């Protein structure tokens, strides 16, 4: 199968597709590192980014619960898909990108949807 893919698509196309998820997730991290309502937990070396939504109106003690609510509501909407994990003792949201067809704009839409939901929860 690999030989057929390389012959059909060419090495450059395959390399571009393999790099696309990392480019998208790093572009998102670049954007998020300057956002006051987002806490990045690491710099992405792969197509995985862990972060927390941290509205100023929510105390540190309630942030873990907020992440769970954001996850539950986003997943129940069926619009986007994220996952959760614990990192550094904190409940965090996680975006995983493996498809070369997911773009920075797609990822920004996920963040915007999380912000919209957070606004509903915290007001």
Protein backbone atom coordinates (compact mmCIF):
# COMPACT_ATOMS: atom_id res chain seq x y z
CA UNK A 1 0.00 0.00 0.00
CA UNK A 2 2.80 2.49 0.80
CA UNK A 3 4.39 2.07 -2.61
CA UNK A 4 1.04 2.58 -4.32
CA UNK A 5 0.39 5.74 -2.27
CA UNK A 6 3.83 7.12 -3.07
CA UNK A 7 3.38 6.38 -6.76
CA UNK A 8 -0.13 7.77 -6.88
CA UNK A 9 0.33 10.89 -4.77
CA UNK A 10 4.05 11.50 -4.83
CA UNK A 11 6.46 11.86 -1.93
CA UNK A 12 5.93 15.63 -1.57
CA UNK A 13 2.17 15.22 -1.22
CA UNK A 14 2.58 12.48 1.39
CA UNK A 15 5.07 14.58 3.38
CA UNK A 16 2.72 17.59 3.23
CA UNK A 17 -0.17 15.47 4.50
CA UNK A 18 1.94 14.07 7.33
CA UNK A 19 3.02 17.56 8.44
CA UNK A 20 -0.41 19.23 8.11
CA UNK A 21 -1.77 18.21 11.55
CA UNK A 22 1.33 19.55 13.32
CA UNK A 23 1.19 22.81 11.37
CA UNK A 24 -2.48 23.27 12.28
CA UNK A 25 -2.03 22.48 15.98
CA UNK A 26 1.07 24.69 16.30
CA UNK A 27 -0.76 27.55 14.59
CA UNK A 28 -3.53 27.15 17.14
CA UNK A 29 -1.01 27.12 19.99
CA UNK A 30 0.58 30.31 18.62
CA UNK A 31 -2.81 31.99 18.70
CA UNK A 32 -3.86 30.65 22.10
CA UNK A 33 -0.66 31.56 23.95
CA UNK A 34 -1.74 35.22 23.89
CA UNK A 35 -5.37 34.64 24.86
CA UNK A 36 -6.21 35.60 28.44
CA UNK A 37 -9.05 33.09 28.74
CA UNK A 38 -6.98 30.07 27.65
CA UNK A 39 -4.24 28.33 29.61
CA UNK A 40 -1.86 26.25 27.48
CA UNK A 41 -0.40 23.30 29.35
CA UNK A 42 2.43 22.53 26.89
CA UNK A 43 3.86 23.34 23.50
CA UNK A 44 2.76 20.72 20.94
CA UNK A 45 5.44 18.42 19.55
CA UNK A 46 2.78 16.25 17.92
CA UNK A 47 -0.82 16.82 16.85
CA UNK A 48 -1.97 17.01 20.48
CA UNK A 49 -2.69 20.20 22.43
CA UNK A 50 -3.83 20.32 26.07
CA UNK A 51 -5.37 23.50 27.42
CA UNK A 52 -7.96 24.89 29.81
CA UNK A 53 -10.61 27.53 29.30
CA UNK A 54 -10.08 29.95 32.19
CA UNK A 55 -12.66 32.76 32.24
CA UNK A 56 -11.83 35.48 34.74
CA UNK A 57 -15.22 35.01 36.40
CA UNK A 58 -14.38 31.42 37.43
CA UNK A 59 -12.26 30.71 40.50
CA UNK A 60 -9.33 28.29 40.37
CA UNK A 61 -11.27 25.84 42.56
CA UNK A 62 -14.07 25.61 39.98
CA UNK A 63 -11.95 25.34 36.83
CA UNK A 64 -11.78 21.53 36.83
CA UNK A 65 -15.57 21.34 36.97
CA UNK A 66 -15.85 23.90 34.19
CA UNK A 67 -13.61 21.83 31.90
CA UNK A 68 -15.86 18.80 32.49
CA UNK A 69 -18.97 20.85 31.70
CA UNK A 70 -17.39 22.24 28.54
CA UNK A 71 -16.40 18.77 27.43
CA UNK A 72 -19.84 17.30 28.14
CA UNK A 73 -21.73 20.07 26.34
CA UNK A 74 -19.44 20.18 23.32
CA UNK A 75 -19.55 16.43 22.87
CA UNK A 76 -23.33 16.25 23.33
CA UNK A 77 -23.78 18.89 20.62
CA UNK A 78 -22.14 16.60 18.07
CA UNK A 79 -20.52 19.61 16.39
CA UNK A 80 -16.94 19.04 17.47
CA UNK A 81 -14.85 16.35 19.11
CA UNK A 82 -12.29 16.83 21.87
CA UNK A 83 -11.08 14.71 24.75
CA UNK A 84 -10.11 15.23 28.38
CA UNK A 85 -7.21 14.22 30.54
CA UNK A 86 -5.44 15.19 33.75
CA UNK A 87 -2.15 16.98 33.41
CA UNK A 88 -0.17 18.50 36.25
CA UNK A 89 -3.02 17.70 38.62
CA UNK A 90 -5.49 19.72 36.51
CA UNK A 91 -8.47 18.59 34.46
CA UNK A 92 -7.69 19.73 30.91
CA UNK A 93 -9.24 19.67 27.47
CA UNK A 94 -7.32 18.07 24.64
CA UNK A 95 -7.50 18.56 20.90
CA UNK A 96 -5.96 15.79 18.81
CA UNK A 97 -5.39 16.33 15.11
CA UNK A 98 -4.40 13.44 12.87
CA UNK A 99 -6.21 14.28 9.66
CA UNK A 100 -4.40 16.39 7.07
CA UNK A 101 -7.80 17.88 6.23
CA UNK A 102 -8.24 19.60 9.62
CA UNK A 103 -7.11 23.20 9.39
CA UNK A 104 -6.22 25.97 11.79
CA UNK A 105 -9.63 27.52 11.03
CA UNK A 106 -11.37 24.27 12.02
CA UNK A 107 -9.49 24.29 15.32
CA UNK A 108 -10.30 27.96 15.95
CA UNK A 109 -13.98 27.13 15.45
CA UNK A 110 -13.67 24.51 18.21
CA UNK A 111 -12.13 27.11 20.55
CA UNK A 112 -14.85 29.62 19.65
CA UNK A 113 -17.53 27.05 20.41
CA UNK A 114 -15.92 26.29 23.79
CA UNK A 115 -15.86 30.02 24.55
CA UNK A 116 -19.53 30.33 23.61
CA UNK A 117 -20.44 27.44 25.91
CA UNK A 118 -18.28 28.85 28.72
CA UNK A 119 -20.16 32.14 28.38
CA UNK A 120 -23.47 30.30 28.82
CA UNK A 121 -22.22 28.42 31.86
CA UNK A 122 -20.63 31.38 33.65
CA UNK A 123 -23.36 33.98 33.14
